[in-house]
Amino acid sequence: MMVRDFMTSDVATIDGQDNLLETTLTFRRTHFRHLPVLAENKLVGIVTEGDVRQLLPSMMERGGPDEYNRVLESTSVSKVMTRNPLTVNPQQPVTEAARLLFTHHIGCLPVVEDGQLKGVITTTDMLRLLIYLTREQEAQT
């Protein structure tokens, strides 16, 4: 089984120049937890909801909602993204993607072919694979 068989192809992306407000709105609109970051249609990073949360001040802190909104509007996603993320190719075995996710304690790998983003493979995709394999095994017994 290959990465292409279980990856998510229809993935939302953001531009490296987007601010955290645009990024947060994309997370909310798409329900994705990881967003590949592109610059001139090339993958330059990945940002997670957790990356954004870590940077934002609490609305309970001094400055409150105004400071929270200022940070969202004035901070570029490039300041919080992981640059040059690990990637996989659609033709790689899905076990290699699972190994990378597990050993690096990450939740998402961009899938890149010939320099172009083709999708992502996530821990959720791996759970879908586990369900598939379990059903296959149960059908054989």
N, C-alpha and C. Protein backbone atom coordinates (compact mmCIF):
# COMPACT_ATOMS: atom_id res chain seq x y z
N MET A 1 0.83 -1.17 0.00
CA MET A 1 0.00 0.00 0.00
C MET A 1 0.88 1.25 0.00
N MET A 2 0.47 2.20 -0.77
CA MET A 2 1.26 3.41 -0.97
C MET A 2 0.59 4.61 -0.29
N VAL A 3 1.39 5.65 -0.09
CA VAL A 3 0.89 6.89 0.51
C VAL A 3 -0.30 7.40 -0.29
N ARG A 4 -0.22 7.34 -1.62
CA ARG A 4 -1.30 7.88 -2.47
C ARG A 4 -2.65 7.23 -2.18
N ASP A 5 -2.63 6.00 -1.66
CA ASP A 5 -3.87 5.28 -1.40
C ASP A 5 -4.61 5.79 -0.17
N PHE A 6 -3.93 6.49 0.73
CA PHE A 6 -4.55 6.92 1.98
C PHE A 6 -4.38 8.39 2.29
N MET A 7 -3.68 9.13 1.44
CA MET A 7 -3.45 10.55 1.71
C MET A 7 -4.73 11.35 1.47
N THR A 8 -4.76 12.54 2.03
CA THR A 8 -5.84 13.48 1.78
C THR A 8 -5.37 14.40 0.65
N SER A 9 -6.07 14.34 -0.48
CA SER A 9 -5.66 15.12 -1.66
C SER A 9 -6.25 16.52 -1.67
N ASP A 10 -7.47 16.64 -1.20
CA ASP A 10 -8.16 17.93 -1.21
C ASP A 10 -7.83 18.67 0.08
N VAL A 11 -6.70 19.38 0.07
CA VAL A 11 -6.20 20.01 1.28
C VAL A 11 -6.17 21.53 1.11
N ALA A 12 -6.52 22.22 2.17
CA ALA A 12 -6.42 23.68 2.17
C ALA A 12 -4.96 24.08 2.40
N THR A 13 -4.56 25.18 1.78
CA THR A 13 -3.21 25.70 1.97
C THR A 13 -3.32 27.18 2.29
N ILE A 14 -2.22 27.73 2.78
CA ILE A 14 -2.16 29.17 2.99
C ILE A 14 -0.86 29.70 2.39
N ASP A 15 -0.82 30.98 2.18
CA ASP A 15 0.35 31.64 1.62
C ASP A 15 1.27 32.07 2.76
N GLY A 16 2.56 32.01 2.52
CA GLY A 16 3.54 32.39 3.53
C GLY A 16 3.41 33.82 4.00
N GLN A 17 2.73 34.66 3.24
CA GLN A 17 2.53 36.06 3.62
C GLN A 17 1.26 36.28 4.42
N ASP A 18 0.41 35.26 4.53
CA ASP A 18 -0.83 35.40 5.29
C ASP A 18 -0.53 35.67 6.75
N ASN A 19 -1.43 36.40 7.40
CA ASN A 19 -1.25 36.65 8.83
C ASN A 19 -1.99 35.57 9.63
N LEU A 20 -1.83 35.62 10.94
CA LEU A 20 -2.44 34.59 11.78
C LEU A 20 -3.96 34.67 11.81
N LEU A 21 -4.52 35.84 11.56
CA LEU A 21 -5.97 35.94 11.48
C LEU A 21 -6.48 35.14 10.29
N GLU A 22 -5.87 35.33 9.12
CA GLU A 22 -6.26 34.56 7.93
C GLU A 22 -6.05 33.06 8.15
N THR A 23 -4.95 32.73 8.83
CA THR A 23 -4.65 31.33 9.11
C THR A 23 -5.70 30.72 10.03
N THR A 24 -6.04 31.44 11.08
CA THR A 24 -7.05 30.96 12.04
C THR A 24 -8.40 30.78 11.36
N LEU A 25 -8.77 31.73 10.52
CA LEU A 25 -10.03 31.62 9.79
C LEU A 25 -10.03 30.41 8.86
N THR A 26 -8.89 30.12 8.24
CA THR A 26 -8.79 28.93 7.38
C THR A 26 -8.93 27.66 8.20
N PHE A 27 -8.31 27.61 9.38
CA PHE A 27 -8.48 26.44 10.26
C PHE A 27 -9.96 26.25 10.58
N ARG A 28 -10.64 27.31 10.94
CA ARG A 28 -12.05 27.21 11.33
C ARG A 28 -12.93 26.80 10.16
N ARG A 29 -12.68 27.40 9.00
CA ARG A 29 -13.50 27.14 7.81
C ARG A 29 -13.34 25.71 7.30
N THR A 30 -12.12 25.18 7.36
CA THR A 30 -11.84 23.88 6.75
C THR A 30 -11.87 22.72 7.73
N HIS A 31 -11.76 23.01 9.02
CA HIS A 31 -11.68 21.98 10.07
C HIS A 31 -10.41 21.15 9.99
N PHE A 32 -9.41 21.61 9.23
CA PHE A 32 -8.10 20.96 9.22
C PHE A 32 -7.31 21.44 10.44
N ARG A 33 -6.39 20.63 10.91
CA ARG A 33 -5.53 21.00 12.04
C ARG A 33 -4.11 21.32 11.59
N HIS A 34 -3.81 21.05 10.32
CA HIS A 34 -2.49 21.31 9.74
C HIS A 34 -2.70 21.97 8.39
N LEU A 35 -1.92 23.00 8.11
CA LEU A 35 -2.03 23.67 6.82
C LEU A 35 -0.65 23.80 6.18
N PRO A 36 -0.47 23.25 4.99
CA PRO A 36 0.77 23.49 4.26
C PRO A 36 0.86 24.98 3.91
N VAL A 37 2.06 25.51 3.98
CA VAL A 37 2.30 26.91 3.66
C VAL A 37 3.06 26.95 2.34
N LEU A 38 2.51 27.71 1.39
CA LEU A 38 3.10 27.79 0.05
C LEU A 38 3.62 29.19 -0.22
N ALA A 39 4.66 29.26 -1.02
CA ALA A 39 5.17 30.52 -1.57
C ALA A 39 5.45 30.24 -3.04
N GLU A 40 4.80 30.97 -3.91
CA GLU A 40 4.92 30.75 -5.35
C GLU A 40 4.67 29.29 -5.71
N ASN A 41 3.63 28.73 -5.13
CA ASN A 41 3.18 27.35 -5.36
C ASN A 41 4.18 26.29 -4.93
N LYS A 42 5.14 26.63 -4.11
CA LYS A 42 6.11 25.67 -3.58
C LYS A 42 5.92 25.56 -2.08
N LEU A 43 6.03 24.35 -1.56
CA LEU A 43 5.91 24.13 -0.13
C LEU A 43 7.10 24.75 0.59
N VAL A 44 6.80 25.63 1.55
CA VAL A 44 7.87 26.25 2.33
C VAL A 44 7.75 25.94 3.82
N GLY A 45 6.59 25.40 4.22
CA GLY A 45 6.41 25.09 5.64
C GLY A 45 5.08 24.45 5.91
N ILE A 46 4.84 24.24 7.19
CA ILE A 46 3.55 23.72 7.65
C ILE A 46 3.26 24.38 8.98
N VAL A 47 2.00 24.70 9.20
CA VAL A 47 1.59 25.33 10.45
C VAL A 47 0.44 24.52 11.04
N THR A 48 0.43 24.40 12.35
CA THR A 48 -0.63 23.67 13.03
C THR A 48 -1.43 24.63 13.90
N GLU A 49 -2.61 24.20 14.29
CA GLU A 49 -3.40 25.01 15.22
C GLU A 49 -2.61 25.25 16.50
N GLY A 50 -1.87 24.24 16.94
CA GLY A 50 -1.07 24.38 18.16
C GLY A 50 0.02 25.43 18.02
N ASP A 51 0.64 25.53 16.84
CA ASP A 51 1.65 26.55 16.61
C ASP A 51 1.07 27.94 16.83
N VAL A 52 -0.12 28.15 16.31
CA VAL A 52 -0.78 29.45 16.44
C VAL A 52 -1.17 29.71 17.89
N ARG A 53 -1.76 28.72 18.55
CA ARG A 53 -2.20 28.87 19.95
C ARG A 53 -1.04 29.23 20.86
N GLN A 54 0.13 28.63 20.63
CA GLN A 54 1.28 28.89 21.48
C GLN A 54 1.73 30.34 21.42
N LEU A 55 1.56 30.98 20.29
CA LEU A 55 2.01 32.35 20.12
C LEU A 55 1.01 33.37 20.67
N LEU A 56 -0.26 33.04 20.61
CA LEU A 56 -1.29 34.02 20.97
C LEU A 56 -1.34 34.27 22.47
N PRO A 57 -1.47 35.53 22.85
CA PRO A 57 -1.64 35.83 24.28
C PRO A 57 -3.04 35.41 24.72
N SER A 58 -3.19 35.12 25.97
CA SER A 58 -4.50 34.81 26.51
C SER A 58 -5.35 36.08 26.48
N MET A 59 -6.62 35.94 26.20
CA MET A 59 -7.51 37.10 26.22
C MET A 59 -7.70 37.62 27.64
N MET A 60 -7.28 36.84 28.62
CA MET A 60 -7.40 37.25 30.01
C MET A 60 -6.21 38.09 30.46
N GLU A 61 -5.12 38.06 29.69
CA GLU A 61 -3.94 38.83 30.05
C GLU A 61 -4.16 40.32 29.83
N ARG A 62 -3.22 41.10 30.33
CA ARG A 62 -3.27 42.54 30.13
C ARG A 62 -3.36 42.85 28.64
N GLY A 63 -4.22 43.71 28.27
CA GLY A 63 -4.43 44.02 26.85
C GLY A 63 -5.67 43.34 26.32
N GLY A 64 -6.01 42.18 26.89
CA GLY A 64 -7.23 41.46 26.55
C GLY A 64 -7.44 41.24 25.07
N PRO A 65 -8.71 41.33 24.64
CA PRO A 65 -9.05 41.05 23.25
C PRO A 65 -8.34 41.95 22.24
N ASP A 66 -8.07 43.19 22.63
CA ASP A 66 -7.38 44.09 21.68
C ASP A 66 -5.98 43.58 21.36
N GLU A 67 -5.26 43.15 22.38
CA GLU A 67 -3.90 42.63 22.17
C GLU A 67 -3.96 41.33 21.38
N TYR A 68 -4.93 40.48 21.70
CA TYR A 68 -5.13 39.21 20.99
C TYR A 68 -5.32 39.49 19.50
N ASN A 69 -6.22 40.41 19.18
CA ASN A 69 -6.50 40.74 17.78
C ASN A 69 -5.30 41.40 17.10
N ARG A 70 -4.56 42.24 17.82
CA ARG A 70 -3.38 42.87 17.25
C ARG A 70 -2.35 41.83 16.83
N VAL A 71 -2.14 40.82 17.70
CA VAL A 71 -1.18 39.76 17.37
C VAL A 71 -1.66 38.97 16.16
N LEU A 72 -2.94 38.64 16.12
CA LEU A 72 -3.49 37.89 14.98
C LEU A 72 -3.28 38.65 13.67
N GLU A 73 -3.52 39.93 13.69
CA GLU A 73 -3.47 40.73 12.46
C GLU A 73 -2.06 41.12 12.05
N SER A 74 -1.13 41.18 13.00
CA SER A 74 0.20 41.70 12.67
C SER A 74 1.29 40.64 12.55
N THR A 75 0.95 39.40 12.83
CA THR A 75 1.96 38.34 12.79
C THR A 75 1.80 37.49 11.55
N SER A 76 2.86 37.35 10.79
CA SER A 76 2.86 36.52 9.59
C SER A 76 2.95 35.05 9.99
N VAL A 77 2.27 34.20 9.24
CA VAL A 77 2.33 32.77 9.50
C VAL A 77 3.76 32.25 9.40
N SER A 78 4.59 32.93 8.62
CA SER A 78 5.98 32.48 8.47
C SER A 78 6.75 32.54 9.79
N LYS A 79 6.26 33.30 10.75
CA LYS A 79 6.93 33.40 12.06
C LYS A 79 6.66 32.19 12.95
N VAL A 80 5.58 31.46 12.67
CA VAL A 80 5.23 30.33 13.54
C VAL A 80 5.29 28.97 12.84
N MET A 81 5.38 28.98 11.53
CA MET A 81 5.36 27.71 10.79
C MET A 81 6.66 26.94 10.99
N THR A 82 6.59 25.65 10.75
CA THR A 82 7.78 24.81 10.69
C THR A 82 8.29 24.89 9.26
N ARG A 83 9.52 25.36 9.11
CA ARG A 83 10.11 25.50 7.78
C ARG A 83 10.68 24.15 7.31
N ASN A 84 10.67 23.95 6.01
CA ASN A 84 11.22 22.74 5.40
C ASN A 84 10.76 21.48 6.12
N PRO A 85 9.45 21.25 6.17
CA PRO A 85 8.94 20.09 6.90
C PRO A 85 9.35 18.78 6.22
N LEU A 86 9.34 17.72 7.02
CA LEU A 86 9.51 16.39 6.44
C LEU A 86 8.39 16.17 5.44
N THR A 87 8.69 15.49 4.36
CA THR A 87 7.68 15.19 3.34
C THR A 87 7.79 13.74 2.92
N VAL A 88 6.76 13.28 2.24
CA VAL A 88 6.78 11.96 1.60
C VAL A 88 6.32 12.12 0.17
N ASN A 89 6.58 11.10 -0.61
CA ASN A 89 6.19 11.03 -2.01
C ASN A 89 4.97 10.12 -2.10
N PRO A 90 4.05 10.37 -3.03
CA PRO A 90 2.86 9.50 -3.14
C PRO A 90 3.19 8.03 -3.38
N GLN A 91 4.36 7.73 -4.00
CA GLN A 91 4.71 6.35 -4.29
C GLN A 91 5.43 5.64 -3.14
N GLN A 92 5.68 6.34 -2.05
CA GLN A 92 6.34 5.68 -0.92
C GLN A 92 5.36 4.75 -0.22
N PRO A 93 5.88 3.70 0.40
CA PRO A 93 5.00 2.82 1.18
C PRO A 93 4.38 3.59 2.33
N VAL A 94 3.12 3.32 2.59
CA VAL A 94 2.41 4.00 3.67
C VAL A 94 3.08 3.69 5.03
N THR A 95 3.75 2.56 5.13
CA THR A 95 4.46 2.24 6.37
C THR A 95 5.58 3.22 6.64
N GLU A 96 6.21 3.75 5.60
CA GLU A 96 7.26 4.75 5.78
C GLU A 96 6.67 6.05 6.33
N ALA A 97 5.52 6.45 5.82
CA ALA A 97 4.85 7.64 6.35
C ALA A 97 4.47 7.44 7.82
N ALA A 98 3.95 6.26 8.14
CA ALA A 98 3.59 5.96 9.53
C ALA A 98 4.82 6.01 10.43
N ARG A 99 5.93 5.48 9.96
CA ARG A 99 7.16 5.50 10.75
C ARG A 99 7.62 6.93 11.01
N LEU A 100 7.56 7.78 9.99
CA LEU A 100 7.97 9.17 10.15
C LEU A 100 7.06 9.91 11.12
N LEU A 101 5.75 9.72 10.98
CA LEU A 101 4.81 10.36 11.90
C LEU A 101 5.08 9.93 13.34
N PHE A 102 5.30 8.65 13.53
CA PHE A 102 5.52 8.10 14.88
C PHE A 102 6.86 8.54 15.47
N THR A 103 7.93 8.36 14.72
CA THR A 103 9.26 8.64 15.29
C THR A 103 9.52 10.13 15.50
N HIS A 104 8.87 10.99 14.71
CA HIS A 104 9.08 12.43 14.85
C HIS A 104 7.98 13.10 15.67
N HIS A 105 7.02 12.31 16.13
CA HIS A 105 5.92 12.82 16.97
C HIS A 105 5.21 14.00 16.30
N ILE A 106 4.84 13.79 15.04
CA ILE A 106 4.14 14.82 14.29
C ILE A 106 2.81 14.26 13.81
N GLY A 107 1.90 15.14 13.46
CA GLY A 107 0.57 14.70 13.06
C GLY A 107 0.29 14.75 11.59
N CYS A 108 1.25 15.28 10.80
CA CYS A 108 0.97 15.48 9.38
C CYS A 108 2.27 15.52 8.58
N LEU A 109 2.23 14.91 7.42
CA LEU A 109 3.33 14.97 6.45
C LEU A 109 2.79 15.48 5.12
N PRO A 110 3.34 16.56 4.59
CA PRO A 110 2.97 16.96 3.24
C PRO A 110 3.42 15.88 2.24
N VAL A 111 2.61 15.67 1.22
CA VAL A 111 2.93 14.71 0.17
C VAL A 111 3.33 15.54 -1.06
N VAL A 112 4.58 15.37 -1.48
CA VAL A 112 5.14 16.20 -2.55
C VAL A 112 5.67 15.30 -3.66
N GLU A 113 5.39 15.71 -4.90
CA GLU A 113 5.90 14.99 -6.08
C GLU A 113 6.36 16.02 -7.10
N ASP A 114 7.58 15.87 -7.57
CA ASP A 114 8.16 16.80 -8.55
C ASP A 114 8.04 18.25 -8.07
N GLY A 115 8.25 18.47 -6.77
CA GLY A 115 8.23 19.81 -6.21
C GLY A 115 6.84 20.38 -5.98
N GLN A 116 5.80 19.62 -6.31
CA GLN A 116 4.43 20.11 -6.17
C GLN A 116 3.71 19.39 -5.02
N LEU A 117 2.96 20.15 -4.23
CA LEU A 117 2.17 19.58 -3.16
C LEU A 117 1.01 18.79 -3.75
N LYS A 118 0.91 17.53 -3.38
CA LYS A 118 -0.17 16.67 -3.87
C LYS A 118 -1.22 16.40 -2.80
N GLY A 119 -0.89 16.67 -1.55
CA GLY A 119 -1.81 16.42 -0.45
C GLY A 119 -1.05 16.31 0.85
N VAL A 120 -1.69 15.70 1.82
CA VAL A 120 -1.06 15.44 3.12
C VAL A 120 -1.47 14.05 3.58
N ILE A 121 -0.66 13.49 4.44
CA ILE A 121 -1.05 12.25 5.11
C ILE A 121 -0.90 12.50 6.60
N THR A 122 -1.95 12.18 7.34
CA THR A 122 -2.04 12.54 8.75
C THR A 122 -2.25 11.30 9.62
N THR A 123 -2.18 11.53 10.91
CA THR A 123 -2.46 10.42 11.83
C THR A 123 -3.91 9.96 11.66
N THR A 124 -4.81 10.85 11.31
CA THR A 124 -6.19 10.45 11.04
C THR A 124 -6.26 9.54 9.83
N ASP A 125 -5.47 9.83 8.80
CA ASP A 125 -5.42 8.94 7.63
C ASP A 125 -4.89 7.56 8.04
N MET A 126 -3.94 7.54 8.98
CA MET A 126 -3.39 6.27 9.46
C MET A 126 -4.45 5.48 10.23
N LEU A 127 -5.31 6.17 10.96
CA LEU A 127 -6.39 5.47 11.66
C LEU A 127 -7.38 4.89 10.65
N ARG A 128 -7.63 5.63 9.56
CA ARG A 128 -8.48 5.10 8.49
C ARG A 128 -7.86 3.84 7.89
N LEU A 129 -6.53 3.83 7.73
CA LEU A 129 -5.82 2.65 7.25
C LEU A 129 -5.97 1.49 8.22
N LEU A 130 -5.84 1.77 9.51
CA LEU A 130 -5.99 0.73 10.52
C LEU A 130 -7.38 0.10 10.46
N ILE A 131 -8.40 0.93 10.31
CA ILE A 131 -9.78 0.41 10.19
C ILE A 131 -9.90 -0.47 8.95
N TYR A 132 -9.35 -0.02 7.85
CA TYR A 132 -9.38 -0.79 6.60
C TYR A 132 -8.70 -2.15 6.79
N LEU A 133 -7.50 -2.15 7.37
CA LEU A 133 -6.77 -3.40 7.56
C LEU A 133 -7.48 -4.34 8.53
N THR A 134 -8.05 -3.77 9.56
CA THR A 134 -8.78 -4.59 10.54
C THR A 134 -10.00 -5.24 9.89
N ARG A 135 -10.73 -4.49 9.10
CA ARG A 135 -11.90 -5.05 8.40
C ARG A 135 -11.49 -6.14 7.42
N GLU A 136 -10.38 -5.91 6.71
CA GLU A 136 -9.86 -6.91 5.79
C GLU A 136 -9.52 -8.20 6.51
N GLN A 137 -8.85 -8.06 7.65
CA GLN A 137 -8.47 -9.23 8.43
C GLN A 137 -9.70 -9.95 8.97
N GLU A 138 -10.66 -9.20 9.46
CA GLU A 138 -11.89 -9.82 9.99
C GLU A 138 -12.66 -10.53 8.89
N ALA A 139 -12.64 -10.00 7.68
CA ALA A 139 -13.35 -10.63 6.56
C ALA A 139 -12.70 -11.96 6.17
N GLN A 140 -11.43 -12.11 6.45
CA GLN A 140 -10.72 -13.34 6.10
C GLN A 140 -10.88 -14.43 7.14
N THR A 141 -11.37 -14.04 8.31
CA THR A 141 -11.50 -15.07 9.38
C THR A 141 -12.91 -15.57 9.50
